[in-house]
Every structure is written in structure tokens, then in C-alpha cells.
Amino acid sequence: MTVKTINELAKLNRKQQEIQQEAQKLQVEAEQDLQHHQLFARSVAALQVAISMGAIAALTRKRIVWYVGLGIATIRIRFMVAGTLSNILYCLLLKSTRLAPNNTNCST
């Protein structure tokens, strides 16, 4: 091998390591975003069930169904608050450690 080839290989190896590090950071961010998405998706599903229960309660005029709908709406609020707080805490942690990449969904 020539010196030029060895230098090119070393340069490519450094570039590959940089790309791997960036990919690992993006993987962590993607996993965190997926967790937030799942909490908000559960919140929306609970809201839809609560609305349906409210409609059933109105049609059947049964209070117990309405109370069940209220309970499900409470669960929805819990998921929404959990998703929002986890996002806020995640952003605060990133900013406090100064590891926040430029493309995060954290407001500045």
C-alpha cells in the first residue's frame, strides 16, 4: 500500500467514526421522540373513547356510562400531562448538559 492509500483509509475511518457517533445520537433522539409519540397517541385514543362513552351515555340516558366516560377522560389527561412533562424534562436535561443537537424539537 502506498502512503496516499493509507492516508485515505485513515481519513475514511475517522469519517466513519464521526458518522457512527452522529447516528447514535440521532437514534437516542428517535427513541425519545417515539416515547413521546406513544404517550400522546394513548391520550388521543382515550379522548376518542371518552367522547364515544359520552355519546352512548346521552343516547341511553345512563349516568354510569357517563361516569365511565369521565374516568376515561381523566386517564387521557394523565397521558397528556405525562407526555408534556417528559418532553419538558428531556429538553431541560439536554440544555443543562449542552448536548442538544440543532434539530431537536425543544424550543430555544
C-alpha atoms as a PDB file:
ATOM      1  CA  MET A   1       0.000   0.000   0.000  1.00  0.00           C
ATOM      2  CA  THR A   2       1.122   3.477  -0.718  1.00  0.00           C
ATOM      3  CA  VAL A   3       1.225   6.309   1.780  1.00  0.00           C
ATOM      4  CA  LYS A   4      -1.580   8.017  -0.111  1.00  0.00           C
ATOM      5  CA  THR A   5      -3.818   4.953   0.226  1.00  0.00           C
ATOM      6  CA  ILE A   6      -3.053   4.609   3.927  1.00  0.00           C
ATOM      7  CA  ASN A   7      -3.868   8.284   4.491  1.00  0.00           C
ATOM      8  CA  GLU A   8      -7.128   7.916   2.585  1.00  0.00           C
ATOM      9  CA  LEU A   9      -8.056   4.838   4.649  1.00  0.00           C
ATOM     10  CA  ALA A  10      -7.315   6.664   7.886  1.00  0.00           C
ATOM     11  CA  LYS A  11      -9.399   9.627   6.730  1.00  0.00           C
ATOM     12  CA  LEU A  12     -12.301   7.335   5.789  1.00  0.00           C
ATOM     13  CA  ASN A  13     -12.092   5.552   9.157  1.00  0.00           C
ATOM     14  CA  ARG A  14     -12.255   8.876  11.018  1.00  0.00           C
ATOM     15  CA  LYS A  15     -15.191   9.963   8.914  1.00  0.00           C
ATOM     16  CA  GLN A  16     -16.943   6.630   9.554  1.00  0.00           C
ATOM     17  CA  GLN A  17     -16.488   7.034  13.317  1.00  0.00           C
ATOM     18  CA  GLU A  18     -17.918  10.562  13.176  1.00  0.00           C
ATOM     19  CA  ILE A  19     -20.922   9.321  11.215  1.00  0.00           C
ATOM     20  CA  GLN A  20     -21.453   6.469  13.690  1.00  0.00           C
ATOM     21  CA  GLN A  21     -21.394   8.879  16.631  1.00  0.00           C
ATOM     22  CA  GLU A  22     -23.922  11.152  14.936  1.00  0.00           C
ATOM     23  CA  ALA A  23     -26.111   8.148  14.112  1.00  0.00           C
ATOM     24  CA  GLN A  24     -26.051   7.018  17.746  1.00  0.00           C
ATOM     25  CA  LYS A  25     -27.125  10.486  18.907  1.00  0.00           C
ATOM     26  CA  LEU A  26     -29.953  10.507  16.382  1.00  0.00           C
ATOM     27  CA  GLN A  27     -31.012   7.003  17.469  1.00  0.00           C
ATOM     28  CA  VAL A  28     -31.326   8.146  21.086  1.00  0.00           C
ATOM     29  CA  GLU A  29     -33.332  11.171  19.989  1.00  0.00           C
ATOM     30  CA  ALA A  30     -35.583   8.994  17.828  1.00  0.00           C
ATOM     31  CA  GLU A  31     -36.265   6.651  20.734  1.00  0.00           C
ATOM     32  CA  GLN A  32     -37.157   9.599  22.951  1.00  0.00           C
ATOM     33  CA  ASP A  33     -39.467  11.021  20.288  1.00  0.00           C
ATOM     34  CA  LEU A  34     -41.152   7.624  19.944  1.00  0.00           C
ATOM     35  CA  GLN A  35     -41.833   7.550  23.687  1.00  0.00           C
ATOM     36  CA  HIS A  36     -43.444  10.997  23.491  1.00  0.00           C
ATOM     37  CA  HIS A  37     -45.467   9.931  20.477  1.00  0.00           C
ATOM     38  CA  GLN A  38     -46.768   6.844  22.274  1.00  0.00           C
ATOM     39  CA  LEU A  39     -47.925   8.885  25.270  1.00  0.00           C
ATOM     40  CA  PHE A  40     -49.736  11.377  23.066  1.00  0.00           C
ATOM     41  CA  ALA A  41     -51.245   8.591  20.932  1.00  0.00           C
ATOM     42  CA  ARG A  42     -52.648   6.974  24.089  1.00  0.00           C
ATOM     43  CA  SER A  43     -54.032  10.333  25.102  1.00  0.00           C
ATOM     44  CA  VAL A  44     -55.841  10.740  21.784  1.00  0.00           C
ATOM     45  CA  ALA A  45     -57.198   7.177  21.937  1.00  0.00           C
ATOM     46  CA  ALA A  46     -58.518   7.754  25.470  1.00  0.00           C
ATOM     47  CA  LEU A  47     -60.129  11.015  24.344  1.00  0.00           C
ATOM     48  CA  GLN A  48     -61.888   9.250  21.483  1.00  0.00           C
ATOM     49  CA  VAL A  49     -63.175   6.536  23.818  1.00  0.00           C
ATOM     50  CA  ALA A  50     -64.337   9.177  26.320  1.00  0.00           C
ATOM     51  CA  ILE A  51     -66.232  11.043  23.594  1.00  0.00           C
ATOM     52  CA  SER A  52     -67.831   7.794  22.468  1.00  0.00           C
ATOM     53  CA  MET A  53     -68.838   6.957  26.035  1.00  0.00           C
ATOM     54  CA  GLY A  54     -70.359  10.409  26.412  1.00  0.00           C
ATOM     55  CA  ALA A  55     -72.379   9.919  23.235  1.00  0.00           C
ATOM     56  CA  ILE A  56     -73.555   6.489  24.400  1.00  0.00           C
ATOM     57  CA  ALA A  57     -74.500   7.955  27.770  1.00  0.00           C
ATOM     58  CA  ALA A  58     -76.517  10.696  26.075  1.00  0.00           C
ATOM     59  CA  LEU A  59     -78.350   8.194  23.877  1.00  0.00           C
ATOM     60  CA  THR A  60     -79.078   5.660  26.622  1.00  0.00           C
ATOM     61  CA  ARG A  61     -79.528   8.239  29.400  1.00  0.00           C
ATOM     62  CA  LYS A  62     -77.473   6.108  31.796  1.00  0.00           C
ATOM     63  CA  ARG A  63     -75.344   8.007  34.251  1.00  0.00           C
ATOM     64  CA  ILE A  64     -72.964   5.138  34.928  1.00  0.00           C
ATOM     65  CA  VAL A  65     -71.821   5.196  31.284  1.00  0.00           C
ATOM     66  CA  TRP A  66     -71.280   8.938  31.565  1.00  0.00           C
ATOM     67  CA  TYR A  67     -69.174   8.460  34.716  1.00  0.00           C
ATOM     68  CA  VAL A  68     -67.097   5.814  32.947  1.00  0.00           C
ATOM     69  CA  GLY A  69     -66.531   8.319  30.131  1.00  0.00           C
ATOM     70  CA  LEU A  70     -65.398  10.911  32.658  1.00  0.00           C
ATOM     71  CA  GLY A  71     -62.994   8.391  34.147  1.00  0.00           C
ATOM     72  CA  ILE A  72     -61.522   7.659  30.739  1.00  0.00           C
ATOM     73  CA  ALA A  73     -61.208  11.402  30.076  1.00  0.00           C
ATOM     74  CA  THR A  74     -59.230  11.656  33.323  1.00  0.00           C
ATOM     75  CA  ILE A  75     -56.901   8.935  32.061  1.00  0.00           C
ATOM     76  CA  ARG A  76     -56.497  10.935  28.858  1.00  0.00           C
ATOM     77  CA  ILE A  77     -55.446  13.997  30.831  1.00  0.00           C
ATOM     78  CA  ARG A  78     -52.883  11.892  32.695  1.00  0.00           C
ATOM     79  CA  PHE A  79     -51.313  10.702  29.427  1.00  0.00           C
ATOM     80  CA  MET A  80     -51.280  14.236  28.015  1.00  0.00           C
ATOM     81  CA  VAL A  81     -49.611  15.669  31.126  1.00  0.00           C
ATOM     82  CA  ALA A  82     -47.093  12.789  31.234  1.00  0.00           C
ATOM     83  CA  GLY A  83     -46.170  13.341  27.584  1.00  0.00           C
ATOM     84  CA  THR A  84     -45.808  17.076  28.029  1.00  0.00           C
ATOM     85  CA  LEU A  85     -43.770  16.812  31.227  1.00  0.00           C
ATOM     86  CA  SER A  86     -41.478  14.148  29.792  1.00  0.00           C
ATOM     87  CA  ASN A  87     -40.796  16.375  26.794  1.00  0.00           C
ATOM     88  CA  ILE A  88     -40.110  19.395  29.013  1.00  0.00           C
ATOM     89  CA  LEU A  89     -37.797  17.418  31.296  1.00  0.00           C
ATOM     90  CA  TYR A  90     -35.993  15.915  28.291  1.00  0.00           C
ATOM     91  CA  CYS A  91     -35.388  19.369  26.834  1.00  0.00           C
ATOM     92  CA  LEU A  92     -34.220  20.778  30.167  1.00  0.00           C
ATOM     93  CA  LEU A  93     -31.804  17.882  30.573  1.00  0.00           C
ATOM     94  CA  LEU A  94     -30.393  18.395  27.093  1.00  0.00           C
ATOM     95  CA  LYS A  95     -29.970  22.116  27.596  1.00  0.00           C
ATOM     96  CA  SER A  96     -28.392  21.723  31.030  1.00  0.00           C
ATOM     97  CA  THR A  97     -25.814  19.282  29.664  1.00  0.00           C
ATOM     98  CA  ARG A  98     -25.414  21.303  26.448  1.00  0.00           C
ATOM     99  CA  LEU A  99     -25.848  18.169  24.367  1.00  0.00           C
ATOM    100  CA  ALA A 100     -28.873  19.395  22.460  1.00  0.00           C
ATOM    101  CA  PRO A 101     -28.403  18.874  18.749  1.00  0.00           C
ATOM    102  CA  ASN A 102     -29.549  21.673  16.469  1.00  0.00           C
ATOM    103  CA  ASN A 103     -32.511  19.713  15.113  1.00  0.00           C
ATOM    104  CA  THR A 104     -34.298  18.838  18.376  1.00  0.00           C
ATOM    105  CA  ASN A 105     -37.936  19.756  18.918  1.00  0.00           C
ATOM    106  CA  CYS A 106     -37.009  21.744  22.025  1.00  0.00           C
ATOM    107  CA  SER A 107     -37.826  25.436  21.780  1.00  0.00           C
ATOM    108  CA  THR A 108     -34.985  27.832  22.388  1.00  0.00           C
END
